[in-house]
Amino acid sequence: MRRTDCLRRSESAALSRRSFLQSLLVAVPVFAAPLFGAQLLTDTAIHGHGQIKPPEPVPGVKLVRDNGASTTLPRLAEGHATAVQIMFTSCTTTCPIQAAIFGRVQAKLPDMAARKVQLLSISMDPTTDTPEALTAWLRRFHAGPGWIAAAPTAADAARVQKFFGTGSDASDHSNQVSILDRQGRLVWRTYELPAAEEVVSVLRKI
C-alpha cells in the first residue's frame, strides 16, 4: 500500500474516532441525567451534579447585559426559572456546543415567556465581551428574546467563577448548566454538556 493511502486511512480513522467521542459527549447525559425531585445519586457530592440542598442564593454580583443595561444577578434572576451557562464569545471549543444545547432548550420551550423561563449565558471575559460582542454571539446562535447574555464587572468575575464552579480564568470554565429558582437560588447542577431534555425537565418543574 502506498504511503499516501496509509495516511488517508489513518486520517479517516482519526476523524471517525473524534466524531464518535463528540457524539458521546452529547448523548451520555440523555441516559445518565436524573430527574428533578427523584432520589439523588450517591455520587452527587463527588461529581457536583443533581439537586442542591439547601438551595444556594446567588451572589449579588454586578452584570452588564447584552443590551448595555447594568443589573445584578439576583435582580436578573428574580421571578424567573433561569438556566445559566458559563461561556466567553471567543471560545471555539465547548462554548459553541453549550450554545447549541441552549438552542435546543429554546426550541423545546416555545412558551418560555408565558412560563417566565429564561436562559442566561454569562461570560467569563468581561474585558473582551462588551454588550456588542454579547449581542453578536446571541445572534450567531439564533437566540430568541428569552435567551440573554451578560458579563460581570472585572471586580466581580472571581465571585461568579467561584459560585458556578468555574476554573481560575475564562478558558477554564464549567460546562455544566446551573438552574436557578424564581427566588434566585441555585437548585440544580447538570452533568457536563447536558442533554437539552434534562435542562427542560428541571425548568418545567420550578
Foldseek 3Di string as FASTA:
>chain_A
DDPVVVVVVVVVVVVVVVVVVVVCLEPVQVVVWDFAPDDDDPCCVVQVFWWDPPWAAADQFWKQWLVRDIDTLQVVLAQAWEKEFEAALVDDPCVVLLLVLVLVLCVVCVPCVVLRYAYEYEYLCVVPCDSPSQVVSCVVSVHDPRYIYIYTDPVCSVSVCVVQVFDDGRVTGAQWIFIADNSRTTTGITHRSHHSVRVNSVRVVD
